[in-house]
Amino acid sequence: MTEQFKTYDIVMIGSGPAALSAAIYTTREDIDTLLVEKGVIGGLAATTDWIDNYPGFKDGISGSMLAEQMRGQAERFGAQFAMAEVSAIVDEGRLKRLVTSDGDIRARAVLIATGSDHKKLGIPGEDEYYSRGVHYCATCDGAFYRNKKLVVIGGGNSAVQEAIFLTRFASKIELLVRSELRASDVLLHELENHKDKISIRLGVTPVSIEGNDMGVTKLHTRGTQDGRSMSIAMDGIFIFIGLKPNTAFLKGSPVALDDVGLVTTNSQFETTMPGVYCAGDVRSGATMQIASAVGEGATAALIMRQWLERSA
């Protein structure tokens, strides 16, 4: 539990690669830093099965291991963590007040690094059967489906990558794509190596999810072009149709968002609220890559240090 109304030099909202990188830089300079996280330390990176394009790991590294190492490094320098959800940032002049589910926190500077979350289909049964057959993280929940039949929904890199990962457990996987596969050539080539377990259905739109007290049992679909109805019996559904920015808590605040809900900043990563900065996937213009999020976090940390020196 955080102490109500405690004041920190910097509070970072989120604990993904951008925030963890920033915390390593700030805490090495003895800047009192708190990271507030409502979900998983490491963000979406921590739930990624395998990361092949992060510099320094020639054979790749699991997302959970990368997140664990970054967290350990930040903690070694003195970073503090609080598990809570931020619902608002209030500008009180020299200090910013963060309204959280664990009490109010004040900070001299704030870094928004909340990243993104998985988009939902928005169909009947999706919320009802969440975690009872409907999932958004293969590395978190795939092991529950050994020798079971699964449906994976999506046609981008994440959907293909997670479908391949699920072949470790499932006996059969149907990859449903609304239009066409948009994954990289490398992943499509790898997908070819799993034809024995993964079958692909193009032009399929999910309509509703059916189940019982034990969990999901069927997915009802229709043809994207011909409108033909079809039902698929399965044991679980994994949904990977894109990401949405975690910025709902900023709507109506002085922190400006772009048309899709990402935080707008200037070239110094400063938002439209003085003393509040933003880095990583939640920032408008970000490249949505772990390596660039880490770089943005480090740069934002150095800029926030200058802000603290000027406002001392």
C-alpha atoms as a PDB file:
ATOM      1  CA  MET A   1       0.000   0.000   0.000  1.00  0.00           C
ATOM      2  CA  THR A   2       1.308   3.430  -0.834  1.00  0.00           C
ATOM      3  CA  GLU A   3       1.239   6.132   1.779  1.00  0.00           C
ATOM      4  CA  GLN A   4      -1.609   8.534   1.010  1.00  0.00           C
ATOM      5  CA  PHE A   5      -0.456  11.918  -0.284  1.00  0.00           C
ATOM      6  CA  LYS A   6       3.202  10.853  -0.295  1.00  0.00           C
ATOM      7  CA  THR A   7       5.255  13.013  -2.649  1.00  0.00           C
ATOM      8  CA  TYR A   8       7.847  11.599  -5.060  1.00  0.00           C
ATOM      9  CA  ASP A   9      10.245  13.309  -7.424  1.00  0.00           C
ATOM     10  CA  ILE A  10       8.864  11.281 -10.332  1.00  0.00           C
ATOM     11  CA  VAL A  11       5.877   8.976 -10.642  1.00  0.00           C
ATOM     12  CA  MET A  12       5.671   6.766 -13.709  1.00  0.00           C
ATOM     13  CA  ILE A  13       2.266   5.432 -14.697  1.00  0.00           C
ATOM     14  CA  GLY A  14       2.862   1.969 -16.137  1.00  0.00           C
ATOM     15  CA  SER A  15       5.778  -0.428 -15.858  1.00  0.00           C
ATOM     16  CA  GLY A  16       6.511  -1.572 -19.395  1.00  0.00           C
ATOM     17  CA  PRO A  17       9.887  -1.250 -21.145  1.00  0.00           C
ATOM     18  CA  ALA A  18       9.632   2.555 -21.464  1.00  0.00           C
ATOM     19  CA  ALA A  19       8.933   3.100 -17.757  1.00  0.00           C
ATOM     20  CA  LEU A  20      11.460   0.505 -16.590  1.00  0.00           C
ATOM     21  CA  SER A  21      14.157   2.024 -18.786  1.00  0.00           C
ATOM     22  CA  ALA A  22      13.335   5.521 -17.510  1.00  0.00           C
ATOM     23  CA  ALA A  23      13.398   4.278 -13.906  1.00  0.00           C
ATOM     24  CA  ILE A  24      16.863   2.794 -14.360  1.00  0.00           C
ATOM     25  CA  TYR A  25      18.125   6.220 -15.426  1.00  0.00           C
ATOM     26  CA  THR A  26      16.331   8.270 -12.778  1.00  0.00           C
ATOM     27  CA  THR A  27      17.115   6.045  -9.817  1.00  0.00           C
ATOM     28  CA  ARG A  28      20.812   5.809 -10.712  1.00  0.00           C
ATOM     29  CA  GLU A  29      20.854   9.554 -10.067  1.00  0.00           C
ATOM     30  CA  ASP A  30      19.066   9.172  -6.718  1.00  0.00           C
ATOM     31  CA  ILE A  31      15.806  10.614  -8.051  1.00  0.00           C
ATOM     32  CA  ASP A  32      12.970   9.285  -5.869  1.00  0.00           C
ATOM     33  CA  THR A  33      10.932   7.242  -8.373  1.00  0.00           C
ATOM     34  CA  LEU A  34       7.685   5.295  -8.083  1.00  0.00           C
ATOM     35  CA  LEU A  35       6.151   3.144 -10.822  1.00  0.00           C
ATOM     36  CA  VAL A  36       2.379   2.625 -10.533  1.00  0.00           C
ATOM     37  CA  GLU A  37       1.070  -0.451 -12.342  1.00  0.00           C
ATOM     38  CA  LYS A  38      -2.469  -1.827 -12.507  1.00  0.00           C
ATOM     39  CA  GLY A  39      -1.631  -5.073 -14.289  1.00  0.00           C
ATOM     40  CA  VAL A  40       1.629  -6.900 -15.024  1.00  0.00           C
ATOM     41  CA  ILE A  41       5.125  -5.543 -14.397  1.00  0.00           C
ATOM     42  CA  GLY A  42       6.679  -5.374 -17.851  1.00  0.00           C
ATOM     43  CA  GLY A  43       3.442  -4.601 -19.689  1.00  0.00           C
ATOM     44  CA  LEU A  44       2.577  -6.453 -22.883  1.00  0.00           C
ATOM     45  CA  ALA A  45       6.256  -7.240 -23.415  1.00  0.00           C
ATOM     46  CA  ALA A  46       6.137  -9.490 -20.340  1.00  0.00           C
ATOM     47  CA  THR A  47       3.379 -11.603 -21.922  1.00  0.00           C
ATOM     48  CA  THR A  48       5.165 -11.971 -25.276  1.00  0.00           C
ATOM     49  CA  ASP A  49       6.432 -15.494 -25.854  1.00  0.00           C
ATOM     50  CA  TRP A  50       9.719 -14.747 -27.591  1.00  0.00           C
ATOM     51  CA  ILE A  51      11.476 -11.529 -28.653  1.00  0.00           C
ATOM     52  CA  ASP A  52      13.958 -11.901 -31.509  1.00  0.00           C
ATOM     53  CA  ASN A  53      14.639  -8.265 -32.400  1.00  0.00           C
ATOM     54  CA  TYR A  54      15.823  -6.780 -29.099  1.00  0.00           C
ATOM     55  CA  PRO A  55      19.541  -5.873 -29.341  1.00  0.00           C
ATOM     56  CA  GLY A  56      22.011  -7.833 -27.250  1.00  0.00           C
ATOM     57  CA  PHE A  57      20.307 -11.237 -27.313  1.00  0.00           C
ATOM     58  CA  LYS A  58      21.562 -13.046 -30.406  1.00  0.00           C
ATOM     59  CA  ASP A  59      19.318 -16.055 -29.773  1.00  0.00           C
ATOM     60  CA  GLY A  60      16.349 -13.988 -28.612  1.00  0.00           C
ATOM     61  CA  ILE A  61      14.833 -13.769 -25.136  1.00  0.00           C
ATOM     62  CA  SER A  62      11.426 -14.473 -23.654  1.00  0.00           C
ATOM     63  CA  GLY A  63       9.317 -11.434 -22.867  1.00  0.00           C
ATOM     64  CA  SER A  64       8.909 -12.484 -19.250  1.00  0.00           C
ATOM     65  CA  MET A  65      12.667 -12.833 -18.778  1.00  0.00           C
ATOM     66  CA  LEU A  66      13.399  -9.455 -20.375  1.00  0.00           C
ATOM     67  CA  ALA A  67      10.797  -7.792 -18.145  1.00  0.00           C
ATOM     68  CA  GLU A  68      12.158  -9.562 -15.062  1.00  0.00           C
ATOM     69  CA  GLN A  69      15.722  -8.466 -15.783  1.00  0.00           C
ATOM     70  CA  MET A  70      14.693  -4.854 -16.417  1.00  0.00           C
ATOM     71  CA  ARG A  71      12.632  -4.785 -13.231  1.00  0.00           C
ATOM     72  CA  GLY A  72      15.510  -6.242 -11.214  1.00  0.00           C
ATOM     73  CA  GLN A  73      17.893  -3.667 -12.618  1.00  0.00           C
ATOM     74  CA  ALA A  74      15.552  -0.801 -11.756  1.00  0.00           C
ATOM     75  CA  GLU A  75      14.986  -2.165  -8.235  1.00  0.00           C
ATOM     76  CA  ARG A  76      18.735  -2.510  -7.721  1.00  0.00           C
ATOM     77  CA  PHE A  77      19.052   1.260  -8.139  1.00  0.00           C
ATOM     78  CA  GLY A  78      16.090   1.981  -5.853  1.00  0.00           C
ATOM     79  CA  ALA A  79      12.968   2.066  -8.016  1.00  0.00           C
ATOM     80  CA  GLN A  80       9.740   1.500  -6.068  1.00  0.00           C
ATOM     81  CA  PHE A  81       6.572  -0.181  -7.360  1.00  0.00           C
ATOM     82  CA  ALA A  82       2.922   0.173  -6.386  1.00  0.00           C
ATOM     83  CA  MET A  83       0.108  -2.006  -7.697  1.00  0.00           C
ATOM     84  CA  ALA A  84      -2.761   0.436  -8.256  1.00  0.00           C
ATOM     85  CA  GLU A  85      -4.829   2.007 -11.012  1.00  0.00           C
ATOM     86  CA  VAL A  86      -4.546   5.707 -11.806  1.00  0.00           C
ATOM     87  CA  SER A  87      -7.873   7.363 -12.590  1.00  0.00           C
ATOM     88  CA  ALA A  88      -6.775  10.998 -13.014  1.00  0.00           C
ATOM     89  CA  ILE A  89      -3.853  13.434 -13.046  1.00  0.00           C
ATOM     90  CA  VAL A  90      -4.598  16.773 -11.390  1.00  0.00           C
ATOM     91  CA  ASP A  91      -2.360  19.781 -12.054  1.00  0.00           C
ATOM     92  CA  GLU A  92      -1.636  21.516  -8.738  1.00  0.00           C
ATOM     93  CA  GLY A  93       1.068  23.785 -10.076  1.00  0.00           C
ATOM     94  CA  ARG A  94       4.466  22.726  -8.810  1.00  0.00           C
ATOM     95  CA  LEU A  95       3.092  19.282  -7.963  1.00  0.00           C
ATOM     96  CA  LYS A  96       0.874  16.859  -9.840  1.00  0.00           C
ATOM     97  CA  ARG A  97      -1.651  14.792  -7.909  1.00  0.00           C
ATOM     98  CA  LEU A  98      -2.387  11.292  -9.125  1.00  0.00           C
ATOM     99  CA  VAL A  99      -5.731   9.886  -8.041  1.00  0.00           C
ATOM    100  CA  THR A 100      -5.297   6.116  -7.664  1.00  0.00           C
ATOM    101  CA  SER A 101      -7.197   3.122  -6.344  1.00  0.00           C
ATOM    102  CA  ASP A 102      -4.681   3.055  -3.468  1.00  0.00           C
ATOM    103  CA  GLY A 103      -4.936   6.694  -2.469  1.00  0.00           C
ATOM    104  CA  ASP A 104      -3.610   9.961  -3.857  1.00  0.00           C
ATOM    105  CA  ILE A 105       0.060  10.372  -4.772  1.00  0.00           C
ATOM    106  CA  ARG A 106       1.872  13.612  -5.511  1.00  0.00           C
ATOM    107  CA  ALA A 107       4.849  14.025  -7.813  1.00  0.00           C
ATOM    108  CA  ARG A 108       7.053  16.810  -9.075  1.00  0.00           C
ATOM    109  CA  ALA A 109       7.059  15.183 -12.520  1.00  0.00           C
ATOM    110  CA  VAL A 110       5.026  12.404 -14.128  1.00  0.00           C
ATOM    111  CA  LEU A 111       5.792   9.979 -16.946  1.00  0.00           C
ATOM    112  CA  ILE A 112       2.823   8.423 -18.740  1.00  0.00           C
ATOM    113  CA  ALA A 113       3.960   5.037 -20.044  1.00  0.00           C
ATOM    114  CA  THR A 114       0.753   3.033 -19.895  1.00  0.00           C
ATOM    115  CA  GLY A 115       1.230   1.317 -23.252  1.00  0.00           C
ATOM    116  CA  SER A 116      -1.633  -0.455 -24.965  1.00  0.00           C
ATOM    117  CA  ASP A 117      -4.060  -3.280 -24.297  1.00  0.00           C
ATOM    118  CA  HIS A 118      -5.642  -5.926 -26.490  1.00  0.00           C
ATOM    119  CA  LYS A 119      -8.661  -4.928 -28.562  1.00  0.00           C
ATOM    120  CA  LYS A 120     -11.844  -6.935 -28.119  1.00  0.00           C
ATOM    121  CA  LEU A 121     -14.189  -8.329 -30.738  1.00  0.00           C
ATOM    122  CA  GLY A 122     -17.226  -6.843 -29.005  1.00  0.00           C
ATOM    123  CA  ILE A 123     -19.450  -9.852 -29.701  1.00  0.00           C
ATOM    124  CA  PRO A 124     -21.926 -11.691 -27.421  1.00  0.00           C
ATOM    125  CA  GLY A 125     -20.209 -14.142 -25.091  1.00  0.00           C
ATOM    126  CA  GLU A 126     -16.764 -12.507 -25.211  1.00  0.00           C
ATOM    127  CA  ASP A 127     -16.964 -10.840 -21.804  1.00  0.00           C
ATOM    128  CA  GLU A 128     -19.095 -13.607 -20.296  1.00  0.00           C
ATOM    129  CA  TYR A 129     -16.503 -16.289 -21.032  1.00  0.00           C
ATOM    130  CA  TYR A 130     -13.369 -14.227 -20.422  1.00  0.00           C
ATOM    131  CA  SER A 131     -10.791 -16.524 -18.770  1.00  0.00           C
ATOM    132  CA  ARG A 132     -13.257 -19.401 -19.164  1.00  0.00           C
ATOM    133  CA  GLY A 133     -12.265 -20.119 -22.729  1.00  0.00           C
ATOM    134  CA  VAL A 134     -11.734 -16.591 -24.093  1.00  0.00           C
ATOM    135  CA  HIS A 135      -8.157 -15.331 -23.823  1.00  0.00           C
ATOM    136  CA  TYR A 136      -5.841 -12.587 -25.095  1.00  0.00           C
ATOM    137  CA  CYS A 137      -2.461 -13.984 -23.981  1.00  0.00           C
ATOM    138  CA  ALA A 138      -1.146 -17.300 -25.302  1.00  0.00           C
ATOM    139  CA  THR A 139       1.877 -17.369 -23.003  1.00  0.00           C
ATOM    140  CA  CYS A 140      -0.372 -16.790 -19.987  1.00  0.00           C
ATOM    141  CA  ASP A 141      -3.071 -19.356 -20.742  1.00  0.00           C
ATOM    142  CA  GLY A 142      -1.911 -21.671 -23.521  1.00  0.00           C
ATOM    143  CA  ALA A 143      -0.751 -24.437 -21.185  1.00  0.00           C
ATOM    144  CA  PHE A 144      -4.364 -25.008 -20.077  1.00  0.00           C
ATOM    145  CA  TYR A 145      -5.150 -26.415 -23.513  1.00  0.00           C
ATOM    146  CA  ARG A 146      -2.927 -29.457 -23.886  1.00  0.00           C
ATOM    147  CA  ASN A 147      -4.318 -31.746 -26.591  1.00  0.00           C
ATOM    148  CA  LYS A 148      -7.316 -29.430 -27.063  1.00  0.00           C
ATOM    149  CA  LYS A 149      -8.793 -27.720 -30.127  1.00  0.00           C
ATOM    150  CA  LEU A 150      -8.339 -23.953 -30.285  1.00  0.00           C
ATOM    151  CA  VAL A 151      -9.404 -21.017 -32.441  1.00  0.00           C
ATOM    152  CA  VAL A 152      -7.064 -18.053 -32.928  1.00  0.00           C
ATOM    153  CA  ILE A 153      -8.619 -14.864 -34.323  1.00  0.00           C
ATOM    154  CA  GLY A 154      -6.504 -12.316 -36.192  1.00  0.00           C
ATOM    155  CA  GLY A 155      -4.317 -11.972 -39.255  1.00  0.00           C
ATOM    156  CA  GLY A 156      -1.370  -9.854 -38.144  1.00  0.00           C
ATOM    157  CA  ASN A 157       2.018 -10.652 -36.655  1.00  0.00           C
ATOM    158  CA  SER A 158       0.700 -11.192 -33.123  1.00  0.00           C
ATOM    159  CA  ALA A 159      -2.005 -13.644 -34.198  1.00  0.00           C
ATOM    160  CA  VAL A 160       0.373 -15.735 -36.290  1.00  0.00           C
ATOM    161  CA  GLN A 161       3.120 -15.665 -33.673  1.00  0.00           C
ATOM    162  CA  GLU A 162       0.758 -16.697 -30.887  1.00  0.00           C
ATOM    163  CA  ALA A 163      -0.864 -19.410 -33.020  1.00  0.00           C
ATOM    164  CA  ILE A 164       2.579 -20.902 -33.625  1.00  0.00           C
ATOM    165  CA  PHE A 165       3.306 -20.728 -29.893  1.00  0.00           C
ATOM    166  CA  LEU A 166       0.034 -22.538 -29.097  1.00  0.00           C
ATOM    167  CA  THR A 167       1.110 -25.532 -31.198  1.00  0.00           C
ATOM    168  CA  ARG A 168       3.200 -26.506 -28.162  1.00  0.00           C
ATOM    169  CA  PHE A 169      -0.027 -27.424 -26.399  1.00  0.00           C
ATOM    170  CA  ALA A 170      -3.047 -27.695 -28.688  1.00  0.00           C
ATOM    171  CA  SER A 171      -3.774 -30.671 -30.928  1.00  0.00           C
ATOM    172  CA  LYS A 172      -5.513 -28.510 -33.554  1.00  0.00           C
ATOM    173  CA  ILE A 173      -5.688 -24.758 -34.193  1.00  0.00           C
ATOM    174  CA  GLU A 174      -7.940 -22.898 -36.614  1.00  0.00           C
ATOM    175  CA  LEU A 175      -6.622 -19.447 -37.504  1.00  0.00           C
ATOM    176  CA  LEU A 176      -9.566 -17.238 -38.508  1.00  0.00           C
ATOM    177  CA  VAL A 177      -8.820 -14.131 -40.561  1.00  0.00           C
ATOM    178  CA  ARG A 178     -11.419 -11.492 -41.414  1.00  0.00           C
ATOM    179  CA  SER A 179      -9.795 -10.591 -44.743  1.00  0.00           C
ATOM    180  CA  GLU A 180      -6.207 -11.656 -45.462  1.00  0.00           C
ATOM    181  CA  LEU A 181      -3.031 -12.476 -43.582  1.00  0.00           C
ATOM    182  CA  ARG A 182      -0.931  -9.371 -42.886  1.00  0.00           C
ATOM    183  CA  ALA A 183       1.923 -10.994 -40.977  1.00  0.00           C
ATOM    184  CA  SER A 184       5.564 -10.573 -41.979  1.00  0.00           C
ATOM    185  CA  ASP A 185       7.123 -12.907 -44.545  1.00  0.00           C
ATOM    186  CA  VAL A 186       9.304 -14.453 -41.835  1.00  0.00           C
ATOM    187  CA  LEU A 187       6.259 -15.441 -39.777  1.00  0.00           C
ATOM    188  CA  LEU A 188       4.303 -16.633 -42.804  1.00  0.00           C
ATOM    189  CA  HIS A 189       7.219 -18.888 -43.743  1.00  0.00           C
ATOM    190  CA  GLU A 190       7.300 -20.267 -40.206  1.00  0.00           C
ATOM    191  CA  LEU A 191       3.534 -20.761 -40.328  1.00  0.00           C
ATOM    192  CA  GLU A 192       4.037 -23.103 -43.274  1.00  0.00           C
ATOM    193  CA  ASN A 193       6.051 -25.382 -40.988  1.00  0.00           C
ATOM    194  CA  HIS A 194       3.005 -25.938 -38.765  1.00  0.00           C
ATOM    195  CA  LYS A 195       0.455 -27.079 -41.341  1.00  0.00           C
ATOM    196  CA  ASP A 196      -0.017 -30.292 -39.389  1.00  0.00           C
ATOM    197  CA  LYS A 197      -1.664 -28.350 -36.548  1.00  0.00           C
ATOM    198  CA  ILE A 198      -2.721 -24.964 -37.923  1.00  0.00           C
ATOM    199  CA  SER A 199      -5.409 -24.552 -40.570  1.00  0.00           C
ATOM    200  CA  ILE A 200      -6.215 -21.112 -41.966  1.00  0.00           C
ATOM    201  CA  ARG A 201      -9.679 -19.786 -42.795  1.00  0.00           C
ATOM    202  CA  LEU A 202      -9.760 -16.484 -44.652  1.00  0.00           C
ATOM    203  CA  GLY A 203     -12.777 -14.216 -44.960  1.00  0.00           C
ATOM    204  CA  VAL A 204     -14.375 -15.233 -41.658  1.00  0.00           C
ATOM    205  CA  THR A 205     -16.060 -12.806 -39.227  1.00  0.00           C
ATOM    206  CA  PRO A 206     -16.802 -13.896 -35.611  1.00  0.00           C
ATOM    207  CA  VAL A 207     -20.435 -13.300 -34.617  1.00  0.00           C
ATOM    208  CA  SER A 208     -20.940 -14.779 -31.144  1.00  0.00           C
ATOM    209  CA  ILE A 209     -19.432 -17.163 -28.607  1.00  0.00           C
ATOM    210  CA  GLU A 210     -21.455 -19.994 -27.098  1.00  0.00           C
ATOM    211  CA  GLY A 211     -20.664 -21.972 -23.975  1.00  0.00           C
ATOM    212  CA  ASN A 212     -21.893 -23.607 -20.802  1.00  0.00           C
ATOM    213  CA  ASP A 213     -20.923 -23.784 -17.130  1.00  0.00           C
ATOM    214  CA  MET A 214     -17.637 -25.440 -18.091  1.00  0.00           C
ATOM    215  CA  GLY A 215     -16.591 -22.740 -20.568  1.00  0.00           C
ATOM    216  CA  VAL A 216     -16.790 -22.042 -24.295  1.00  0.00           C
ATOM    217  CA  THR A 217     -18.022 -24.698 -26.706  1.00  0.00           C
ATOM    218  CA  LYS A 218     -18.652 -22.994 -30.050  1.00  0.00           C
ATOM    219  CA  LEU A 219     -17.787 -19.928 -32.081  1.00  0.00           C
ATOM    220  CA  HIS A 220     -20.460 -18.738 -34.510  1.00  0.00           C
ATOM    221  CA  THR A 221     -19.171 -16.959 -37.615  1.00  0.00           C
ATOM    222  CA  ARG A 222     -20.268 -15.638 -40.976  1.00  0.00           C
ATOM    223  CA  GLY A 223     -18.446 -15.232 -44.240  1.00  0.00           C
ATOM    224  CA  THR A 224     -17.039 -11.731 -44.648  1.00  0.00           C
ATOM    225  CA  GLN A 225     -17.979 -11.707 -48.342  1.00  0.00           C
ATOM    226  CA  ASP A 226     -20.744 -14.290 -48.803  1.00  0.00           C
ATOM    227  CA  GLY A 227     -22.408 -13.969 -45.380  1.00  0.00           C
ATOM    228  CA  ARG A 228     -22.551 -17.752 -44.967  1.00  0.00           C
ATOM    229  CA  SER A 229     -23.086 -18.827 -41.355  1.00  0.00           C
ATOM    230  CA  MET A 230     -20.840 -21.430 -39.774  1.00  0.00           C
ATOM    231  CA  SER A 231     -20.228 -22.777 -36.271  1.00  0.00           C
ATOM    232  CA  ILE A 232     -16.885 -24.089 -35.030  1.00  0.00           C
ATOM    233  CA  ALA A 233     -16.672 -26.434 -32.049  1.00  0.00           C
ATOM    234  CA  MET A 234     -13.574 -25.841 -29.943  1.00  0.00           C
ATOM    235  CA  ASP A 235     -12.209 -25.703 -26.388  1.00  0.00           C
ATOM    236  CA  GLY A 236     -10.807 -22.179 -26.321  1.00  0.00           C
ATOM    237  CA  ILE A 237     -10.474 -18.920 -28.260  1.00  0.00           C
ATOM    238  CA  PHE A 238      -7.419 -16.654 -28.369  1.00  0.00           C
ATOM    239  CA  ILE A 239      -8.040 -13.161 -29.777  1.00  0.00           C
ATOM    240  CA  PHE A 240      -5.292 -11.025 -31.339  1.00  0.00           C
ATOM    241  CA  ILE A 241      -6.884  -8.252 -33.424  1.00  0.00           C
ATOM    242  CA  GLY A 242      -4.756  -5.281 -32.466  1.00  0.00           C
ATOM    243  CA  LEU A 243      -4.125  -2.913 -29.600  1.00  0.00           C
ATOM    244  CA  LYS A 244      -5.796   0.136 -28.079  1.00  0.00           C
ATOM    245  CA  PRO A 245      -3.986   2.810 -26.016  1.00  0.00           C
ATOM    246  CA  ASN A 246      -4.482   2.773 -22.244  1.00  0.00           C
ATOM    247  CA  THR A 247      -5.541   6.413 -21.986  1.00  0.00           C
ATOM    248  CA  ALA A 248      -9.156   6.263 -20.777  1.00  0.00           C
ATOM    249  CA  PHE A 249      -8.075   7.908 -17.496  1.00  0.00           C
ATOM    250  CA  LEU A 250      -6.873  10.965 -19.458  1.00  0.00           C
ATOM    251  CA  LYS A 251     -10.079  11.720 -21.350  1.00  0.00           C
ATOM    252  CA  GLY A 252     -11.397  15.127 -20.330  1.00  0.00           C
ATOM    253  CA  SER A 253      -8.059  16.101 -18.764  1.00  0.00           C
ATOM    254  CA  PRO A 254      -5.631  18.829 -19.949  1.00  0.00           C
ATOM    255  CA  VAL A 255      -3.401  16.068 -21.409  1.00  0.00           C
ATOM    256  CA  ALA A 256      -4.186  16.119 -25.138  1.00  0.00           C
ATOM    257  CA  LEU A 257      -4.820  12.924 -27.114  1.00  0.00           C
ATOM    258  CA  ASP A 258      -4.812  12.347 -30.862  1.00  0.00           C
ATOM    259  CA  ASP A 259      -7.691  10.931 -32.911  1.00  0.00           C
ATOM    260  CA  VAL A 260      -7.000   7.330 -31.861  1.00  0.00           C
ATOM    261  CA  GLY A 261      -6.425   8.128 -28.183  1.00  0.00           C
ATOM    262  CA  LEU A 262      -2.628   8.275 -28.096  1.00  0.00           C
ATOM    263  CA  VAL A 263      -0.921  10.980 -26.017  1.00  0.00           C
ATOM    264  CA  THR A 264       0.455  13.896 -28.039  1.00  0.00           C
ATOM    265  CA  THR A 265       3.857  15.315 -27.089  1.00  0.00           C
ATOM    266  CA  ASN A 266       6.384  17.809 -28.326  1.00  0.00           C
ATOM    267  CA  SER A 267       9.917  16.854 -29.375  1.00  0.00           C
ATOM    268  CA  GLN A 268      10.919  16.764 -25.694  1.00  0.00           C
ATOM    269  CA  PHE A 269       8.280  14.131 -24.822  1.00  0.00           C
ATOM    270  CA  GLU A 270       6.342  16.743 -22.830  1.00  0.00           C
ATOM    271  CA  THR A 271       2.552  16.593 -22.930  1.00  0.00           C
ATOM    272  CA  THR A 272       0.189  19.572 -22.874  1.00  0.00           C
ATOM    273  CA  MET A 273       0.346  19.509 -19.051  1.00  0.00           C
ATOM    274  CA  PRO A 274       3.671  21.015 -17.902  1.00  0.00           C
ATOM    275  CA  GLY A 275       5.757  18.544 -15.927  1.00  0.00           C
ATOM    276  CA  VAL A 276       3.935  15.553 -17.410  1.00  0.00           C
ATOM    277  CA  TYR A 277       5.798  13.517 -20.013  1.00  0.00           C
ATOM    278  CA  CYS A 278       5.009  10.483 -22.135  1.00  0.00           C
ATOM    279  CA  ALA A 279       7.065   7.665 -23.662  1.00  0.00           C
ATOM    280  CA  GLY A 280       6.554   4.294 -25.306  1.00  0.00           C
ATOM    281  CA  ASP A 281       3.675   2.764 -27.232  1.00  0.00           C
ATOM    282  CA  VAL A 282       1.060   5.098 -25.730  1.00  0.00           C
ATOM    283  CA  ARG A 283       2.737   8.154 -27.286  1.00  0.00           C
ATOM    284  CA  SER A 284       1.438   9.464 -30.606  1.00  0.00           C
ATOM    285  CA  GLY A 285       4.108   8.791 -33.228  1.00  0.00           C
ATOM    286  CA  ALA A 286       5.720   5.868 -31.398  1.00  0.00           C
ATOM    287  CA  THR A 287       7.003   2.973 -33.521  1.00  0.00           C
ATOM    288  CA  MET A 288       5.451   0.296 -31.269  1.00  0.00           C
ATOM    289  CA  GLN A 289       8.765  -1.547 -30.805  1.00  0.00           C
ATOM    290  CA  ILE A 290      10.341  -2.564 -27.500  1.00  0.00           C
ATOM    291  CA  ALA A 291      13.763  -1.214 -28.446  1.00  0.00           C
ATOM    292  CA  SER A 292      12.389   2.222 -29.336  1.00  0.00           C
ATOM    293  CA  ALA A 293      10.236   2.295 -26.172  1.00  0.00           C
ATOM    294  CA  VAL A 294      13.364   1.690 -24.111  1.00  0.00           C
ATOM    295  CA  GLY A 295      15.136   4.513 -25.943  1.00  0.00           C
ATOM    296  CA  GLU A 296      12.224   6.890 -25.426  1.00  0.00           C
ATOM    297  CA  GLY A 297      12.113   6.026 -21.738  1.00  0.00           C
ATOM    298  CA  ALA A 298      15.815   6.777 -21.291  1.00  0.00           C
ATOM    299  CA  THR A 299      15.522  10.083 -23.166  1.00  0.00           C
ATOM    300  CA  ALA A 300      12.428  11.118 -21.212  1.00  0.00           C
ATOM    301  CA  ALA A 301      14.263  10.355 -17.957  1.00  0.00           C
ATOM    302  CA  LEU A 302      17.090  12.728 -18.856  1.00  0.00           C
ATOM    303  CA  ILE A 303      14.625  15.449 -19.857  1.00  0.00           C
ATOM    304  CA  MET A 304      12.640  15.006 -16.630  1.00  0.00           C
ATOM    305  CA  ARG A 305      15.839  15.356 -14.630  1.00  0.00           C
ATOM    306  CA  GLN A 306      16.368  18.749 -16.280  1.00  0.00           C
ATOM    307  CA  TRP A 307      12.776  19.678 -15.435  1.00  0.00           C
ATOM    308  CA  LEU A 308      13.359  18.821 -11.764  1.00  0.00           C
ATOM    309  CA  GLU A 309      16.515  20.918 -11.710  1.00  0.00           C
ATOM    310  CA  ARG A 310      14.732  23.917 -13.246  1.00  0.00           C
ATOM    311  CA  SER A 311      11.712  23.657 -10.931  1.00  0.00           C
ATOM    312  CA  ALA A 312      13.647  23.010  -7.727  1.00  0.00           C
END
